[in-house]
Amino acid sequence: MTDDILSEAATSAGNNFDLLSRISMRLSVEVGSTALTLADLLALERDAVVELDRAIDDPLDILVNGTLIARGEVVTVDGRYGVRICEIVAPAQSLGAIERRA
């Protein structure tokens, strides 16, 4: 009887995963950020350079629906940008990154 219950639970979990696996999510990569006053923002002109809070060799934040899930680095794939995942972020680290960006 226990095997039947486990089998039903596994089937149910598989069906739930199939349902959830079709949900679209937004993946974004954050290169860096900075804080500007509105006056500084409006004063920007073409060819202006805005310094970000990251060094060139720092890993990039990879976010899904605005939540940090991993860190990675930029790669090129057939002339397009891509991102190589270098580290999966623990949930506690994810919250710390949100506080840093706020």
C-alpha atoms as a PDB file:
ATOM      1  CA  MET A   1       0.000   0.000   0.000  1.00  0.00           C
ATOM      2  CA  THR A   2       2.852   2.404   0.770  1.00  0.00           C
ATOM      3  CA  ASP A   3       4.277   1.817  -2.724  1.00  0.00           C
ATOM      4  CA  ASP A   4       0.904   2.777  -4.249  1.00  0.00           C
ATOM      5  CA  ILE A   5       0.829   6.041  -2.269  1.00  0.00           C
ATOM      6  CA  LEU A   6       4.408   6.891  -3.284  1.00  0.00           C
ATOM      7  CA  SER A   7       3.621   6.079  -6.923  1.00  0.00           C
ATOM      8  CA  GLU A   8       0.529   8.324  -6.869  1.00  0.00           C
ATOM      9  CA  ALA A   9       2.529  11.127  -5.216  1.00  0.00           C
ATOM     10  CA  ALA A  10       5.280  10.847  -7.840  1.00  0.00           C
ATOM     11  CA  THR A  11       2.713  10.908 -10.657  1.00  0.00           C
ATOM     12  CA  SER A  12       0.985  13.925  -9.117  1.00  0.00           C
ATOM     13  CA  ALA A  13       4.308  15.745  -8.689  1.00  0.00           C
ATOM     14  CA  GLY A  14       5.199  14.963 -12.307  1.00  0.00           C
ATOM     15  CA  ASN A  15       1.862  16.333 -13.527  1.00  0.00           C
ATOM     16  CA  ASN A  16       2.333  19.485 -11.428  1.00  0.00           C
ATOM     17  CA  PHE A  17       5.829  19.972 -12.811  1.00  0.00           C
ATOM     18  CA  ASP A  18       4.535  19.546 -16.376  1.00  0.00           C
ATOM     19  CA  LEU A  19       1.934  22.221 -15.681  1.00  0.00           C
ATOM     20  CA  LEU A  20       4.456  24.609 -14.104  1.00  0.00           C
ATOM     21  CA  SER A  21       7.176  23.985 -16.696  1.00  0.00           C
ATOM     22  CA  ARG A  22       5.136  25.860 -19.331  1.00  0.00           C
ATOM     23  CA  ILE A  23       5.024  29.110 -17.325  1.00  0.00           C
ATOM     24  CA  SER A  24       7.111  31.881 -18.894  1.00  0.00           C
ATOM     25  CA  MET A  25       9.554  33.723 -16.674  1.00  0.00           C
ATOM     26  CA  ARG A  26      11.706  36.786 -17.327  1.00  0.00           C
ATOM     27  CA  LEU A  27      15.446  36.135 -17.040  1.00  0.00           C
ATOM     28  CA  SER A  28      17.622  39.231 -16.875  1.00  0.00           C
ATOM     29  CA  VAL A  29      21.291  39.904 -16.295  1.00  0.00           C
ATOM     30  CA  GLU A  30      22.461  42.908 -14.276  1.00  0.00           C
ATOM     31  CA  VAL A  31      25.845  44.281 -15.273  1.00  0.00           C
ATOM     32  CA  GLY A  32      25.844  46.862 -12.504  1.00  0.00           C
ATOM     33  CA  SER A  33      23.963  49.840 -11.168  1.00  0.00           C
ATOM     34  CA  THR A  34      24.411  53.354  -9.883  1.00  0.00           C
ATOM     35  CA  ALA A  35      22.347  56.043  -8.186  1.00  0.00           C
ATOM     36  CA  LEU A  36      21.779  59.353  -9.963  1.00  0.00           C
ATOM     37  CA  THR A  37      19.803  62.427  -9.085  1.00  0.00           C
ATOM     38  CA  LEU A  38      17.141  63.431 -11.556  1.00  0.00           C
ATOM     39  CA  ALA A  39      19.225  66.491 -12.456  1.00  0.00           C
ATOM     40  CA  ASP A  40      22.263  64.295 -13.235  1.00  0.00           C
ATOM     41  CA  LEU A  41      20.107  61.964 -15.314  1.00  0.00           C
ATOM     42  CA  LEU A  42      18.636  64.827 -17.328  1.00  0.00           C
ATOM     43  CA  ALA A  43      22.131  66.283 -17.877  1.00  0.00           C
ATOM     44  CA  LEU A  44      23.365  63.126 -19.665  1.00  0.00           C
ATOM     45  CA  GLU A  45      24.259  63.650 -23.286  1.00  0.00           C
ATOM     46  CA  ARG A  46      25.193  61.382 -26.132  1.00  0.00           C
ATOM     47  CA  ASP A  47      28.510  59.564 -25.491  1.00  0.00           C
ATOM     48  CA  ALA A  48      28.232  60.201 -21.749  1.00  0.00           C
ATOM     49  CA  VAL A  49      29.716  57.438 -19.596  1.00  0.00           C
ATOM     50  CA  VAL A  50      27.944  56.373 -16.420  1.00  0.00           C
ATOM     51  CA  GLU A  51      30.181  54.516 -13.963  1.00  0.00           C
ATOM     52  CA  LEU A  52      28.614  51.404 -12.446  1.00  0.00           C
ATOM     53  CA  ASP A  53      29.228  49.796  -9.062  1.00  0.00           C
ATOM     54  CA  ARG A  54      31.010  46.705 -10.419  1.00  0.00           C
ATOM     55  CA  ALA A  55      34.549  45.963 -11.506  1.00  0.00           C
ATOM     56  CA  ILE A  56      35.054  44.540 -14.996  1.00  0.00           C
ATOM     57  CA  ASP A  57      35.888  41.084 -13.629  1.00  0.00           C
ATOM     58  CA  ASP A  58      33.019  40.888 -11.085  1.00  0.00           C
ATOM     59  CA  PRO A  59      30.355  38.269 -11.827  1.00  0.00           C
ATOM     60  CA  LEU A  60      27.017  39.449 -13.197  1.00  0.00           C
ATOM     61  CA  ASP A  61      23.755  38.942 -11.293  1.00  0.00           C
ATOM     62  CA  ILE A  62      21.266  36.640 -13.036  1.00  0.00           C
ATOM     63  CA  LEU A  63      17.693  37.332 -12.005  1.00  0.00           C
ATOM     64  CA  VAL A  64      14.422  35.514 -12.685  1.00  0.00           C
ATOM     65  CA  ASN A  65      11.384  37.746 -12.308  1.00  0.00           C
ATOM     66  CA  GLY A  66      13.564  40.172 -10.328  1.00  0.00           C
ATOM     67  CA  THR A  67      14.909  37.564  -7.885  1.00  0.00           C
ATOM     68  CA  LEU A  68      18.617  36.784  -7.821  1.00  0.00           C
ATOM     69  CA  ILE A  69      19.151  33.095  -8.617  1.00  0.00           C
ATOM     70  CA  ALA A  70      22.729  32.890  -9.912  1.00  0.00           C
ATOM     71  CA  ARG A  71      25.894  34.737 -10.908  1.00  0.00           C
ATOM     72  CA  GLY A  72      27.712  34.395 -14.192  1.00  0.00           C
ATOM     73  CA  GLU A  73      29.848  35.886 -16.925  1.00  0.00           C
ATOM     74  CA  VAL A  74      29.238  37.228 -20.420  1.00  0.00           C
ATOM     75  CA  VAL A  75      30.004  34.964 -23.374  1.00  0.00           C
ATOM     76  CA  THR A  76      29.293  35.245 -27.092  1.00  0.00           C
ATOM     77  CA  VAL A  77      27.275  32.662 -28.994  1.00  0.00           C
ATOM     78  CA  ASP A  78      27.188  33.020 -32.796  1.00  0.00           C
ATOM     79  CA  GLY A  79      27.597  36.798 -32.608  1.00  0.00           C
ATOM     80  CA  ARG A  80      25.067  37.248 -29.778  1.00  0.00           C
ATOM     81  CA  TYR A  81      25.550  37.832 -26.081  1.00  0.00           C
ATOM     82  CA  GLY A  82      25.011  34.965 -23.680  1.00  0.00           C
ATOM     83  CA  VAL A  83      25.689  34.294 -20.035  1.00  0.00           C
ATOM     84  CA  ARG A  84      27.562  31.368 -18.522  1.00  0.00           C
ATOM     85  CA  ILE A  85      26.261  30.431 -15.080  1.00  0.00           C
ATOM     86  CA  CYS A  86      29.167  30.201 -12.636  1.00  0.00           C
ATOM     87  CA  GLU A  87      27.329  30.029  -9.305  1.00  0.00           C
ATOM     88  CA  ILE A  88      23.821  29.191  -8.140  1.00  0.00           C
ATOM     89  CA  VAL A  89      22.863  31.535  -5.308  1.00  0.00           C
ATOM     90  CA  ALA A  90      21.435  30.273  -2.010  1.00  0.00           C
ATOM     91  CA  PRO A  91      18.100  31.869  -1.019  1.00  0.00           C
ATOM     92  CA  ALA A  92      19.699  33.786   1.897  1.00  0.00           C
ATOM     93  CA  GLN A  93      22.273  35.351  -0.484  1.00  0.00           C
ATOM     94  CA  SER A  94      19.458  36.299  -2.834  1.00  0.00           C
ATOM     95  CA  LEU A  95      17.830  38.475  -0.166  1.00  0.00           C
ATOM     96  CA  GLY A  96      21.142  40.207   0.591  1.00  0.00           C
ATOM     97  CA  ALA A  97      21.534  41.192  -3.057  1.00  0.00           C
ATOM     98  CA  ILE A  98      18.046  42.680  -3.092  1.00  0.00           C
ATOM     99  CA  GLU A  99      18.938  44.848  -0.097  1.00  0.00           C
ATOM    100  CA  ARG A 100      22.184  45.947  -1.821  1.00  0.00           C
ATOM    101  CA  ARG A 101      20.290  47.131  -4.902  1.00  0.00           C
ATOM    102  CA  ALA A 102      17.643  49.024  -2.936  1.00  0.00           C
END
